[in-house]
Amino acid sequence: MNVISVVDDDPFVRSATVDLLNSFGFICEAYASAEEYLGSERIEDTSCLILDVKMPGLSGLELQEQLIETGRRVPIIFITSFPEERTRTKAIGAGAFGFLPKPYSEEQLLSCIHRALRPPISV
């Protein structure tokens, strides 16, 4: 099953993001921390990860690094209240499909999700 996992320590952002995506027919799971996501049973079902950059404990960038190190190449879209260029460069350089400053528009998020879920073009 294809699942979009939303990881954000802000319960309002988490809830609003899941509600928005559910309204477009996506199946979503929400997590309050990177650690909660890593401990979930749905990690293998995640087709796209919407991930806050700054969270208590493991940050979004640290989670991205950990997933890469363990061979889990899930498409990631970062969302952040702190859109620093150096952080954006690091996230995108490591393969993120988007880096959206909060508040982001529904169109921006959906565009990133559609790109992230598009099958790769084989040559």
PDB file of N, CA and C in Angstrom:
ATOM      1  N   MET A   1       0.849  -1.181   0.000  1.00  0.00           N
ATOM      2  CA  MET A   1       0.000   0.000   0.000  1.00  0.00           C
ATOM      3  C   MET A   1       0.894   1.243   0.000  1.00  0.00           C
ATOM      4  N   ASN A   2       0.551   2.210  -0.811  1.00  0.00           N
ATOM      5  CA  ASN A   2       1.302   3.465  -0.868  1.00  0.00           C
ATOM      6  C   ASN A   2       0.790   4.431   0.192  1.00  0.00           C
ATOM      7  N   VAL A   3       1.718   4.901   1.003  1.00  0.00           N
ATOM      8  CA  VAL A   3       1.383   5.778   2.121  1.00  0.00           C
ATOM      9  C   VAL A   3       2.275   7.016   2.076  1.00  0.00           C
ATOM     10  N   ILE A   4       1.683   8.170   2.354  1.00  0.00           N
ATOM     11  CA  ILE A   4       2.474   9.371   2.562  1.00  0.00           C
ATOM     12  C   ILE A   4       2.599   9.542   4.069  1.00  0.00           C
ATOM     13  N   SER A   5       3.823   9.571   4.561  1.00  0.00           N
ATOM     14  CA  SER A   5       4.071   9.754   5.990  1.00  0.00           C
ATOM     15  C   SER A   5       4.430  11.209   6.247  1.00  0.00           C
ATOM     16  N   VAL A   6       3.756  11.803   7.211  1.00  0.00           N
ATOM     17  CA  VAL A   6       3.968  13.202   7.582  1.00  0.00           C
ATOM     18  C   VAL A   6       4.626  13.213   8.957  1.00  0.00           C
ATOM     19  N   VAL A   7       5.835  13.778   9.031  1.00  0.00           N
ATOM     20  CA  VAL A   7       6.578  13.828  10.290  1.00  0.00           C
ATOM     21  C   VAL A   7       6.811  15.294  10.641  1.00  0.00           C
ATOM     22  N   ASP A   8       6.131  15.766  11.679  1.00  0.00           N
ATOM     23  CA  ASP A   8       6.246  17.163  12.113  1.00  0.00           C
ATOM     24  C   ASP A   8       5.885  17.221  13.585  1.00  0.00           C
ATOM     25  N   ASP A   9       6.671  17.940  14.370  1.00  0.00           N
ATOM     26  CA  ASP A   9       6.407  18.032  15.799  1.00  0.00           C
ATOM     27  C   ASP A   9       5.240  18.967  16.125  1.00  0.00           C
ATOM     28  N   ASP A  10       4.799  19.776  15.169  1.00  0.00           N
ATOM     29  CA  ASP A  10       3.675  20.689  15.381  1.00  0.00           C
ATOM     30  C   ASP A  10       2.371  19.953  15.069  1.00  0.00           C
ATOM     31  N   PRO A  11       1.530  19.708  16.093  1.00  0.00           N
ATOM     32  CA  PRO A  11       0.308  18.931  15.853  1.00  0.00           C
ATOM     33  C   PRO A  11      -0.654  19.595  14.871  1.00  0.00           C
ATOM     34  N   PHE A  12      -0.664  20.911  14.809  1.00  0.00           N
ATOM     35  CA  PHE A  12      -1.567  21.603  13.892  1.00  0.00           C
ATOM     36  C   PHE A  12      -1.111  21.430  12.445  1.00  0.00           C
ATOM     37  N   VAL A  13       0.181  21.537  12.204  1.00  0.00           N
ATOM     38  CA  VAL A  13       0.726  21.328  10.853  1.00  0.00           C
ATOM     39  C   VAL A  13       0.498  19.884  10.432  1.00  0.00           C
ATOM     40  N   ARG A  14       0.771  18.961  11.336  1.00  0.00           N
ATOM     41  CA  ARG A  14       0.575  17.532  11.052  1.00  0.00           C
ATOM     42  C   ARG A  14      -0.867  17.259  10.638  1.00  0.00           C
ATOM     43  N   SER A  15      -1.785  17.719  11.462  1.00  0.00           N
ATOM     44  CA  SER A  15      -3.204  17.477  11.220  1.00  0.00           C
ATOM     45  C   SER A  15      -3.680  18.134   9.928  1.00  0.00           C
ATOM     46  N   ALA A  16      -3.299  19.389   9.711  1.00  0.00           N
ATOM     47  CA  ALA A  16      -3.727  20.109   8.511  1.00  0.00           C
ATOM     48  C   ALA A  16      -3.169  19.442   7.246  1.00  0.00           C
ATOM     49  N   THR A  17      -1.928  18.997   7.308  1.00  0.00           N
ATOM     50  CA  THR A  17      -1.307  18.356   6.147  1.00  0.00           C
ATOM     51  C   THR A  17      -1.996  17.033   5.829  1.00  0.00           C
ATOM     52  N   VAL A  18      -2.241  16.242   6.847  1.00  0.00           N
ATOM     53  CA  VAL A  18      -2.927  14.961   6.643  1.00  0.00           C
ATOM     54  C   VAL A  18      -4.340  15.195   6.120  1.00  0.00           C
ATOM     55  N   ASP A  19      -5.066  16.142   6.691  1.00  0.00           N
ATOM     56  CA  ASP A  19      -6.429  16.439   6.225  1.00  0.00           C
ATOM     57  C   ASP A  19      -6.425  16.865   4.763  1.00  0.00           C
ATOM     58  N   LEU A  20      -5.480  17.736   4.395  1.00  0.00           N
ATOM     59  CA  LEU A  20      -5.376  18.187   3.007  1.00  0.00           C
ATOM     60  C   LEU A  20      -5.125  17.010   2.071  1.00  0.00           C
ATOM     61  N   LEU A  21      -4.144  16.194   2.415  1.00  0.00           N
ATOM     62  CA  LEU A  21      -3.791  15.081   1.537  1.00  0.00           C
ATOM     63  C   LEU A  21      -4.892  14.036   1.469  1.00  0.00           C
ATOM     64  N   ASN A  22      -5.562  13.781   2.586  1.00  0.00           N
ATOM     65  CA  ASN A  22      -6.698  12.862   2.574  1.00  0.00           C
ATOM     66  C   ASN A  22      -7.801  13.366   1.650  1.00  0.00           C
ATOM     67  N   SER A  23      -8.000  14.691   1.620  1.00  0.00           N
ATOM     68  CA  SER A  23      -9.050  15.260   0.768  1.00  0.00           C
ATOM     69  C   SER A  23      -8.747  15.057  -0.717  1.00  0.00           C
ATOM     70  N   PHE A  24      -7.482  14.811  -1.052  1.00  0.00           N
ATOM     71  CA  PHE A  24      -7.085  14.525  -2.432  1.00  0.00           C
ATOM     72  C   PHE A  24      -6.935  13.023  -2.687  1.00  0.00           C
ATOM     73  N   GLY A  25      -7.361  12.215  -1.724  1.00  0.00           N
ATOM     74  CA  GLY A  25      -7.373  10.763  -1.912  1.00  0.00           C
ATOM     75  C   GLY A  25      -6.111  10.026  -1.506  1.00  0.00           C
ATOM     76  N   PHE A  26      -5.148  10.738  -0.909  1.00  0.00           N
ATOM     77  CA  PHE A  26      -3.928  10.063  -0.455  1.00  0.00           C
ATOM     78  C   PHE A  26      -4.169   9.364   0.877  1.00  0.00           C
ATOM     79  N   ILE A  27      -3.463   8.284   1.100  1.00  0.00           N
ATOM     80  CA  ILE A  27      -3.473   7.586   2.382  1.00  0.00           C
ATOM     81  C   ILE A  27      -2.286   8.115   3.169  1.00  0.00           C
ATOM     82  N   CYS A  28      -2.550   8.607   4.377  1.00  0.00           N
ATOM     83  CA  CYS A  28      -1.499   9.263   5.162  1.00  0.00           C
ATOM     84  C   CYS A  28      -1.375   8.666   6.550  1.00  0.00           C
ATOM     85  N   GLU A  29      -0.170   8.746   7.054  1.00  0.00           N
ATOM     86  CA  GLU A  29       0.140   8.434   8.451  1.00  0.00           C
ATOM     87  C   GLU A  29       0.858   9.652   9.019  1.00  0.00           C
ATOM     88  N   ALA A  30       0.625   9.947  10.278  1.00  0.00           N
ATOM     89  CA  ALA A  30       1.240  11.116  10.908  1.00  0.00           C
ATOM     90  C   ALA A  30       2.084  10.689  12.099  1.00  0.00           C
ATOM     91  N   TYR A  31       3.232  11.375  12.240  1.00  0.00           N
ATOM     92  CA  TYR A  31       4.168  11.076  13.321  1.00  0.00           C
ATOM     93  C   TYR A  31       4.663  12.380  13.927  1.00  0.00           C
ATOM     94  N   ALA A  32       4.796  12.416  15.247  1.00  0.00           N
ATOM     95  CA  ALA A  32       5.206  13.620  15.961  1.00  0.00           C
ATOM     96  C   ALA A  32       6.718  13.788  16.013  1.00  0.00           C
ATOM     97  N   SER A  33       7.466  12.750  15.612  1.00  0.00           N
ATOM     98  CA  SER A  33       8.924  12.838  15.667  1.00  0.00           C
ATOM     99  C   SER A  33       9.540  11.853  14.681  1.00  0.00           C
ATOM    100  N   ALA A  34      10.796  12.093  14.372  1.00  0.00           N
ATOM    101  CA  ALA A  34      11.537  11.174  13.510  1.00  0.00           C
ATOM    102  C   ALA A  34      11.661   9.807  14.186  1.00  0.00           C
ATOM    103  N   GLU A  35      11.863   9.818  15.485  1.00  0.00           N
ATOM    104  CA  GLU A  35      11.990   8.567  16.228  1.00  0.00           C
ATOM    105  C   GLU A  35      10.697   7.756  16.160  1.00  0.00           C
ATOM    106  N   GLU A  36       9.559   8.441  16.272  1.00  0.00           N
ATOM    107  CA  GLU A  36       8.265   7.756  16.185  1.00  0.00           C
ATOM    108  C   GLU A  36       8.103   7.123  14.793  1.00  0.00           C
ATOM    109  N   TYR A  37       8.481   7.862  13.765  1.00  0.00           N
ATOM    110  CA  TYR A  37       8.407   7.332  12.394  1.00  0.00           C
ATOM    111  C   TYR A  37       9.309   6.102  12.248  1.00  0.00           C
ATOM    112  N   LEU A  38      10.553   6.209  12.706  1.00  0.00           N
ATOM    113  CA  LEU A  38      11.492   5.095  12.582  1.00  0.00           C
ATOM    114  C   LEU A  38      11.013   3.842  13.314  1.00  0.00           C
ATOM    115  N   GLY A  39      10.257   4.030  14.390  1.00  0.00           N
ATOM    116  CA  GLY A  39       9.756   2.899  15.162  1.00  0.00           C
ATOM    117  C   GLY A  39       8.423   2.367  14.671  1.00  0.00           C
ATOM    118  N   SER A  40       7.891   2.953  13.622  1.00  0.00           N
ATOM    119  CA  SER A  40       6.560   2.558  13.155  1.00  0.00           C
ATOM    120  C   SER A  40       6.619   1.286  12.309  1.00  0.00           C
ATOM    121  N   GLU A  41       5.481   0.646  12.211  1.00  0.00           N
ATOM    122  CA  GLU A  41       5.357  -0.540  11.371  1.00  0.00           C
ATOM    123  C   GLU A  41       5.114  -0.172   9.912  1.00  0.00           C
ATOM    124  N   ARG A  42       4.875   1.106   9.626  1.00  0.00           N
ATOM    125  CA  ARG A  42       4.529   1.544   8.272  1.00  0.00           C
ATOM    126  C   ARG A  42       5.728   2.093   7.492  1.00  0.00           C
ATOM    127  N   ILE A  43       6.906   2.033   8.060  1.00  0.00           N
ATOM    128  CA  ILE A  43       8.070   2.638   7.407  1.00  0.00           C
ATOM    129  C   ILE A  43       8.304   2.033   6.011  1.00  0.00           C
ATOM    130  N   GLU A  44       8.098   0.744   5.852  1.00  0.00           N
ATOM    131  CA  GLU A  44       8.305   0.095   4.550  1.00  0.00           C
ATOM    132  C   GLU A  44       7.198   0.431   3.560  1.00  0.00           C
ATOM    133  N   ASP A  45       6.044   0.878   4.041  1.00  0.00           N
ATOM    134  CA  ASP A  45       4.921   1.239   3.166  1.00  0.00           C
ATOM    135  C   ASP A  45       5.006   2.681   2.683  1.00  0.00           C
ATOM    136  N   THR A  46       5.921   3.472   3.244  1.00  0.00           N
ATOM    137  CA  THR A  46       5.990   4.896   2.916  1.00  0.00           C
ATOM    138  C   THR A  46       6.497   5.093   1.489  1.00  0.00           C
ATOM    139  N   SER A  47       5.655   5.754   0.679  1.00  0.00           N
ATOM    140  CA  SER A  47       6.011   6.067  -0.709  1.00  0.00           C
ATOM    141  C   SER A  47       6.563   7.471  -0.842  1.00  0.00           C
ATOM    142  N   CYS A  48       6.240   8.321   0.141  1.00  0.00           N
ATOM    143  CA  CYS A  48       6.707   9.708   0.157  1.00  0.00           C
ATOM    144  C   CYS A  48       6.695  10.170   1.611  1.00  0.00           C
ATOM    145  N   LEU A  49       7.715  10.903   1.969  1.00  0.00           N
ATOM    146  CA  LEU A  49       7.874  11.388   3.337  1.00  0.00           C
ATOM    147  C   LEU A  49       7.847  12.907   3.338  1.00  0.00           C
ATOM    148  N   ILE A  50       6.886  13.489   4.049  1.00  0.00           N
ATOM    149  CA  ILE A  50       6.839  14.935   4.236  1.00  0.00           C
ATOM    150  C   ILE A  50       7.424  15.181   5.614  1.00  0.00           C
ATOM    151  N   LEU A  51       8.523  15.933   5.644  1.00  0.00           N
ATOM    152  CA  LEU A  51       9.374  15.949   6.824  1.00  0.00           C
ATOM    153  C   LEU A  51       9.748  17.360   7.245  1.00  0.00           C
ATOM    154  N   ASP A  52       9.469  17.681   8.508  1.00  0.00           N
ATOM    155  CA  ASP A  52       9.882  18.962   9.069  1.00  0.00           C
ATOM    156  C   ASP A  52      11.402  18.941   9.236  1.00  0.00           C
ATOM    157  N   VAL A  53      12.020  20.094   9.050  1.00  0.00           N
ATOM    158  CA  VAL A  53      13.478  20.178   9.172  1.00  0.00           C
ATOM    159  C   VAL A  53      13.901  20.173  10.634  1.00  0.00           C
ATOM    160  N   LYS A  54      13.331  21.075  11.431  1.00  0.00           N
ATOM    161  CA  LYS A  54      13.758  21.221  12.831  1.00  0.00           C
ATOM    162  C   LYS A  54      12.716  20.624  13.762  1.00  0.00           C
ATOM    163  N   MET A  55      13.152  19.594  14.496  1.00  0.00           N
ATOM    164  CA  MET A  55      12.300  18.933  15.480  1.00  0.00           C
ATOM    165  C   MET A  55      13.164  18.572  16.678  1.00  0.00           C
ATOM    166  N   PRO A  56      12.547  18.444  17.846  1.00  0.00           N
ATOM    167  CA  PRO A  56      13.305  17.952  19.001  1.00  0.00           C
ATOM    168  C   PRO A  56      13.819  16.537  18.712  1.00  0.00           C
ATOM    169  N   GLY A  57      14.941  16.203  19.270  1.00  0.00           N
ATOM    170  CA  GLY A  57      15.512  14.882  19.008  1.00  0.00           C
ATOM    171  C   GLY A  57      16.152  14.871  17.637  1.00  0.00           C
ATOM    172  N   LEU A  58      15.890  13.828  16.892  1.00  0.00           N
ATOM    173  CA  LEU A  58      16.447  13.661  15.555  1.00  0.00           C
ATOM    174  C   LEU A  58      15.809  14.680  14.604  1.00  0.00           C
ATOM    175  N   SER A  59      16.636  15.476  13.935  1.00  0.00           N
ATOM    176  CA  SER A  59      16.119  16.476  12.997  1.00  0.00           C
ATOM    177  C   SER A  59      15.715  15.802  11.681  1.00  0.00           C
ATOM    178  N   GLY A  60      15.024  16.558  10.846  1.00  0.00           N
ATOM    179  CA  GLY A  60      14.651  16.041   9.538  1.00  0.00           C
ATOM    180  C   GLY A  60      15.853  15.676   8.687  1.00  0.00           C
ATOM    181  N   LEU A  61      16.869  16.520   8.704  1.00  0.00           N
ATOM    182  CA  LEU A  61      18.081  16.222   7.935  1.00  0.00           C
ATOM    183  C   LEU A  61      18.795  14.980   8.465  1.00  0.00           C
ATOM    184  N   GLU A  62      18.799  14.813   9.777  1.00  0.00           N
ATOM    185  CA  GLU A  62      19.419  13.623  10.363  1.00  0.00           C
ATOM    186  C   GLU A  62      18.643  12.363   9.983  1.00  0.00           C
ATOM    187  N   LEU A  63      17.309  12.481   9.940  1.00  0.00           N
ATOM    188  CA  LEU A  63      16.499  11.336   9.512  1.00  0.00           C
ATOM    189  C   LEU A  63      16.794  11.004   8.050  1.00  0.00           C
ATOM    190  N   GLN A  64      16.883  12.030   7.208  1.00  0.00           N
ATOM    191  CA  GLN A  64      17.224  11.809   5.805  1.00  0.00           C
ATOM    192  C   GLN A  64      18.552  11.055   5.695  1.00  0.00           C
ATOM    193  N   GLU A  65      19.571  11.502   6.431  1.00  0.00           N
ATOM    194  CA  GLU A  65      20.881  10.842   6.417  1.00  0.00           C
ATOM    195  C   GLU A  65      20.782   9.395   6.865  1.00  0.00           C
ATOM    196  N   GLN A  66      20.028   9.163   7.930  1.00  0.00           N
ATOM    197  CA  GLN A  66      19.895   7.811   8.466  1.00  0.00           C
ATOM    198  C   GLN A  66      19.200   6.891   7.461  1.00  0.00           C
ATOM    199  N   LEU A  67      18.161   7.391   6.796  1.00  0.00           N
ATOM    200  CA  LEU A  67      17.466   6.580   5.800  1.00  0.00           C
ATOM    201  C   LEU A  67      18.399   6.231   4.646  1.00  0.00           C
ATOM    202  N   ILE A  68      19.186   7.199   4.195  1.00  0.00           N
ATOM    203  CA  ILE A  68      20.132   6.962   3.105  1.00  0.00           C
ATOM    204  C   ILE A  68      21.168   5.924   3.519  1.00  0.00           C
ATOM    205  N   GLU A  69      21.706   6.080   4.737  1.00  0.00           N
ATOM    206  CA  GLU A  69      22.729   5.149   5.236  1.00  0.00           C
ATOM    207  C   GLU A  69      22.217   3.718   5.328  1.00  0.00           C
ATOM    208  N   THR A  70      20.926   3.553   5.596  1.00  0.00           N
ATOM    209  CA  THR A  70      20.353   2.208   5.719  1.00  0.00           C
ATOM    210  C   THR A  70      19.754   1.708   4.411  1.00  0.00           C
ATOM    211  N   GLY A  71      19.970   2.458   3.324  1.00  0.00           N
ATOM    212  CA  GLY A  71      19.514   2.012   2.017  1.00  0.00           C
ATOM    213  C   GLY A  71      18.055   2.275   1.712  1.00  0.00           C
ATOM    214  N   ARG A  72      17.402   3.020   2.565  1.00  0.00           N
ATOM    215  CA  ARG A  72      15.964   3.331   2.357  1.00  0.00           C
ATOM    216  C   ARG A  72      15.875   4.632   1.591  1.00  0.00           C
ATOM    217  N   ARG A  73      15.581   4.567   0.296  1.00  0.00           N
ATOM    218  CA  ARG A  73      15.543   5.741  -0.584  1.00  0.00           C
ATOM    219  C   ARG A  73      14.105   6.188  -0.823  1.00  0.00           C
ATOM    220  N   VAL A  74      13.449   6.655   0.211  1.00  0.00           N
ATOM    221  CA  VAL A  74      12.083   7.156   0.091  1.00  0.00           C
ATOM    222  C   VAL A  74      12.126   8.622  -0.347  1.00  0.00           C
ATOM    223  N   PRO A  75      11.280   9.028  -1.291  1.00  0.00           N
ATOM    224  CA  PRO A  75      11.248  10.435  -1.681  1.00  0.00           C
ATOM    225  C   PRO A  75      10.846  11.319  -0.493  1.00  0.00           C
ATOM    226  N   ILE A  76      11.596  12.406  -0.294  1.00  0.00           N
ATOM    227  CA  ILE A  76      11.361  13.304   0.839  1.00  0.00           C
ATOM    228  C   ILE A  76      11.037  14.702   0.339  1.00  0.00           C
ATOM    229  N   ILE A  77      10.031  15.296   0.978  1.00  0.00           N
ATOM    230  CA  ILE A  77       9.696  16.706   0.772  1.00  0.00           C
ATOM    231  C   ILE A  77       9.843  17.366   2.145  1.00  0.00           C
ATOM    232  N   PHE A  78      10.760  18.312   2.236  1.00  0.00           N
ATOM    233  CA  PHE A  78      10.965  19.021   3.494  1.00  0.00           C
ATOM    234  C   PHE A  78      10.018  20.212   3.586  1.00  0.00           C
ATOM    235  N   ILE A  79       9.523  20.446   4.803  1.00  0.00           N
ATOM    236  CA  ILE A  79       8.763  21.650   5.112  1.00  0.00           C
ATOM    237  C   ILE A  79       9.440  22.303   6.308  1.00  0.00           C
ATOM    238  N   THR A  80       9.470  23.642   6.315  1.00  0.00           N
ATOM    239  CA  THR A  80      10.226  24.291   7.386  1.00  0.00           C
ATOM    240  C   THR A  80       9.772  25.716   7.653  1.00  0.00           C
ATOM    241  N   SER A  81       9.893  26.115   8.887  1.00  0.00           N
ATOM    242  CA  SER A  81       9.691  27.518   9.281  1.00  0.00           C
ATOM    243  C   SER A  81      11.001  28.281   9.210  1.00  0.00           C
ATOM    244  N   PHE A  82      12.088  27.565   8.933  1.00  0.00           N
ATOM    245  CA  PHE A  82      13.428  28.155   8.890  1.00  0.00           C
ATOM    246  C   PHE A  82      14.077  27.845   7.533  1.00  0.00           C
ATOM    247  N   PRO A  83      13.634  28.528   6.474  1.00  0.00           N
ATOM    248  CA  PRO A  83      14.114  28.198   5.126  1.00  0.00           C
ATOM    249  C   PRO A  83      15.496  28.763   4.809  1.00  0.00           C
ATOM    250  N   GLU A  84      16.498  28.250   5.493  1.00  0.00           N
ATOM    251  CA  GLU A  84      17.868  28.704   5.277  1.00  0.00           C
ATOM    252  C   GLU A  84      18.439  28.056   4.014  1.00  0.00           C
ATOM    253  N   GLU A  85      19.127  28.827   3.211  1.00  0.00           N
ATOM    254  CA  GLU A  85      19.648  28.338   1.926  1.00  0.00           C
ATOM    255  C   GLU A  85      20.623  27.183   2.110  1.00  0.00           C
ATOM    256  N   ARG A  86      21.458  27.246   3.130  1.00  0.00           N
ATOM    257  CA  ARG A  86      22.437  26.178   3.346  1.00  0.00           C
ATOM    258  C   ARG A  86      21.732  24.857   3.687  1.00  0.00           C
ATOM    259  N   THR A  87      20.636  24.929   4.447  1.00  0.00           N
ATOM    260  CA  THR A  87      19.863  23.731   4.787  1.00  0.00           C
ATOM    261  C   THR A  87      19.162  23.192   3.546  1.00  0.00           C
ATOM    262  N   ARG A  88      18.597  24.098   2.749  1.00  0.00           N
ATOM    263  CA  ARG A  88      17.935  23.704   1.504  1.00  0.00           C
ATOM    264  C   ARG A  88      18.923  22.999   0.571  1.00  0.00           C
ATOM    265  N   THR A  89      20.096  23.573   0.420  1.00  0.00           N
ATOM    266  CA  THR A  89      21.117  22.999  -0.456  1.00  0.00           C
ATOM    267  C   THR A  89      21.496  21.595  -0.002  1.00  0.00           C
ATOM    268  N   LYS A  90      21.645  21.411   1.305  1.00  0.00           N
ATOM    269  CA  LYS A  90      22.010  20.099   1.844  1.00  0.00           C
ATOM    270  C   LYS A  90      20.894  19.079   1.601  1.00  0.00           C
ATOM    271  N   ALA A  91      19.652  19.477   1.845  1.00  0.00           N
ATOM    272  CA  ALA A  91      18.510  18.574   1.676  1.00  0.00           C
ATOM    273  C   ALA A  91      18.327  18.165   0.218  1.00  0.00           C
ATOM    274  N   ILE A  92      18.344  19.145  -0.667  1.00  0.00           N
ATOM    275  CA  ILE A  92      18.164  18.871  -2.099  1.00  0.00           C
ATOM    276  C   ILE A  92      19.362  18.088  -2.640  1.00  0.00           C
ATOM    277  N   GLY A  93      20.555  18.439  -2.183  1.00  0.00           N
ATOM    278  CA  GLY A  93      21.756  17.729  -2.603  1.00  0.00           C
ATOM    279  C   GLY A  93      21.737  16.255  -2.224  1.00  0.00           C
ATOM    280  N   ALA A  94      21.040  15.933  -1.140  1.00  0.00           N
ATOM    281  CA  ALA A  94      20.928  14.544  -0.701  1.00  0.00           C
ATOM    282  C   ALA A  94      19.729  13.838  -1.327  1.00  0.00           C
ATOM    283  N   GLY A  95      19.029  14.562  -2.229  1.00  0.00           N
ATOM    284  CA  GLY A  95      17.965  13.897  -2.983  1.00  0.00           C
ATOM    285  C   GLY A  95      16.542  14.292  -2.674  1.00  0.00           C
ATOM    286  N   ALA A  96      16.330  15.279  -1.811  1.00  0.00           N
ATOM    287  CA  ALA A  96      14.956  15.692  -1.493  1.00  0.00           C
ATOM    288  C   ALA A  96      14.256  16.216  -2.742  1.00  0.00           C
ATOM    289  N   PHE A  97      12.960  15.956  -2.837  1.00  0.00           N
ATOM    290  CA  PHE A  97      12.158  16.390  -3.978  1.00  0.00           C
ATOM    291  C   PHE A  97      11.599  17.791  -3.802  1.00  0.00           C
ATOM    292  N   GLY A  98      11.685  18.328  -2.603  1.00  0.00           N
ATOM    293  CA  GLY A  98      11.184  19.672  -2.367  1.00  0.00           C
ATOM    294  C   GLY A  98      11.654  20.199  -1.034  1.00  0.00           C
ATOM    295  N   PHE A  99      11.621  21.510  -0.926  1.00  0.00           N
ATOM    296  CA  PHE A  99      12.006  22.207   0.302  1.00  0.00           C
ATOM    297  C   PHE A  99      11.086  23.420   0.391  1.00  0.00           C
ATOM    298  N   LEU A 100      10.001  23.270   1.123  1.00  0.00           N
ATOM    299  CA  LEU A 100       8.951  24.282   1.139  1.00  0.00           C
ATOM    300  C   LEU A 100       8.941  25.058   2.450  1.00  0.00           C
ATOM    301  N   PRO A 101       9.005  26.393   2.364  1.00  0.00           N
ATOM    302  CA  PRO A 101       8.883  27.201   3.579  1.00  0.00           C
ATOM    303  C   PRO A 101       7.428  27.237   4.046  1.00  0.00           C
ATOM    304  N   LYS A 102       7.243  27.161   5.367  1.00  0.00           N
ATOM    305  CA  LYS A 102       5.899  27.304   5.943  1.00  0.00           C
ATOM    306  C   LYS A 102       5.561  28.790   5.994  1.00  0.00           C
ATOM    307  N   PRO A 103       4.355  29.197   5.710  1.00  0.00           N
ATOM    308  CA  PRO A 103       3.289  28.362   5.165  1.00  0.00           C
ATOM    309  C   PRO A 103       3.491  28.153   3.670  1.00  0.00           C
ATOM    310  N   TYR A 104       3.223  26.962   3.228  1.00  0.00           N
ATOM    311  CA  TYR A 104       3.329  26.626   1.813  1.00  0.00           C
ATOM    312  C   TYR A 104       1.912  26.511   1.245  1.00  0.00           C
ATOM    313  N   SER A 105       1.800  26.634  -0.059  1.00  0.00           N
ATOM    314  CA  SER A 105       0.482  26.521  -0.677  1.00  0.00           C
ATOM    315  C   SER A 105       0.175  25.055  -0.967  1.00  0.00           C
ATOM    316  N   GLU A 106      -1.073  24.765  -1.065  1.00  0.00           N
ATOM    317  CA  GLU A 106      -1.488  23.402  -1.386  1.00  0.00           C
ATOM    318  C   GLU A 106      -0.945  23.003  -2.756  1.00  0.00           C
ATOM    319  N   GLU A 107      -0.900  23.953  -3.691  1.00  0.00           N
ATOM    320  CA  GLU A 107      -0.382  23.667  -5.028  1.00  0.00           C
ATOM    321  C   GLU A 107       1.103  23.299  -4.978  1.00  0.00           C
ATOM    322  N   GLN A 108       1.884  24.016  -4.160  1.00  0.00           N
ATOM    323  CA  GLN A 108       3.311  23.708  -4.034  1.00  0.00           C
ATOM    324  C   GLN A 108       3.513  22.294  -3.504  1.00  0.00           C
ATOM    325  N   LEU A 109       2.770  21.956  -2.452  1.00  0.00           N
ATOM    326  CA  LEU A 109       2.918  20.639  -1.841  1.00  0.00           C
ATOM    327  C   LEU A 109       2.485  19.541  -2.805  1.00  0.00           C
ATOM    328  N   LEU A 110       1.342  19.715  -3.435  1.00  0.00           N
ATOM    329  CA  LEU A 110       0.850  18.695  -4.360  1.00  0.00           C
ATOM    330  C   LEU A 110       1.786  18.514  -5.553  1.00  0.00           C
ATOM    331  N   SER A 111       2.352  19.597  -6.044  1.00  0.00           N
ATOM    332  CA  SER A 111       3.301  19.513  -7.159  1.00  0.00           C
ATOM    333  C   SER A 111       4.517  18.671  -6.756  1.00  0.00           C
ATOM    334  N   CYS A 112       5.043  18.919  -5.570  1.00  0.00           N
ATOM    335  CA  CYS A 112       6.191  18.139  -5.080  1.00  0.00           C
ATOM    336  C   CYS A 112       5.821  16.663  -4.907  1.00  0.00           C
ATOM    337  N   ILE A 113       4.646  16.397  -4.376  1.00  0.00           N
ATOM    338  CA  ILE A 113       4.214  15.011  -4.158  1.00  0.00           C
ATOM    339  C   ILE A 113       4.090  14.288  -5.491  1.00  0.00           C
ATOM    340  N   HIS A 114       3.474  14.931  -6.466  1.00  0.00           N
ATOM    341  CA  HIS A 114       3.310  14.286  -7.777  1.00  0.00           C
ATOM    342  C   HIS A 114       4.667  13.997  -8.423  1.00  0.00           C
ATOM    343  N   ARG A 115       5.626  14.913  -8.283  1.00  0.00           N
ATOM    344  CA  ARG A 115       6.975  14.664  -8.795  1.00  0.00           C
ATOM    345  C   ARG A 115       7.629  13.501  -8.059  1.00  0.00           C
ATOM    346  N   ALA A 116       7.456  13.484  -6.746  1.00  0.00           N
ATOM    347  CA  ALA A 116       8.089  12.446  -5.927  1.00  0.00           C
ATOM    348  C   ALA A 116       7.515  11.056  -6.220  1.00  0.00           C
ATOM    349  N   LEU A 117       6.234  10.998  -6.537  1.00  0.00           N
ATOM    350  CA  LEU A 117       5.584   9.701  -6.759  1.00  0.00           C
ATOM    351  C   LEU A 117       5.666   9.241  -8.218  1.00  0.00           C
ATOM    352  N   ARG A 118       6.106  10.101  -9.100  1.00  0.00           N
ATOM    353  CA  ARG A 118       6.232   9.742 -10.526  1.00  0.00           C
ATOM    354  C   ARG A 118       7.299   8.671 -10.672  1.00  0.00           C
ATOM    355  N   PRO A 119       6.982   7.610 -11.404  1.00  0.00           N
ATOM    356  CA  PRO A 119       7.994   6.564 -11.595  1.00  0.00           C
ATOM    357  C   PRO A 119       9.199   7.118 -12.352  1.00  0.00           C
ATOM    358  N   PRO A 120      10.381   6.644 -12.024  1.00  0.00           N
ATOM    359  CA  PRO A 120      11.580   7.115 -12.732  1.00  0.00           C
ATOM    360  C   PRO A 120      11.534   6.703 -14.203  1.00  0.00           C
ATOM    361  N   ILE A 121      12.100   7.541 -15.041  1.00  0.00           N
ATOM    362  CA  ILE A 121      12.154   7.253 -16.462  1.00  0.00           C
ATOM    363  C   ILE A 121      13.346   6.348 -16.724  1.00  0.00           C
ATOM    364  N   SER A 122      13.077   5.222 -17.359  1.00  0.00           N
ATOM    365  CA  SER A 122      14.203   4.327 -17.670  1.00  0.00           C
ATOM    366  C   SER A 122      14.726   4.643 -19.063  1.00  0.00           C
ATOM    367  N   VAL A 123      16.013   4.492 -19.218  1.00  0.00           N
ATOM    368  CA  VAL A 123      16.668   4.841 -20.485  1.00  0.00           C
ATOM    369  C   VAL A 123      16.982   3.595 -21.273  1.00  0.00           C
TER     370      VAL A 123
END
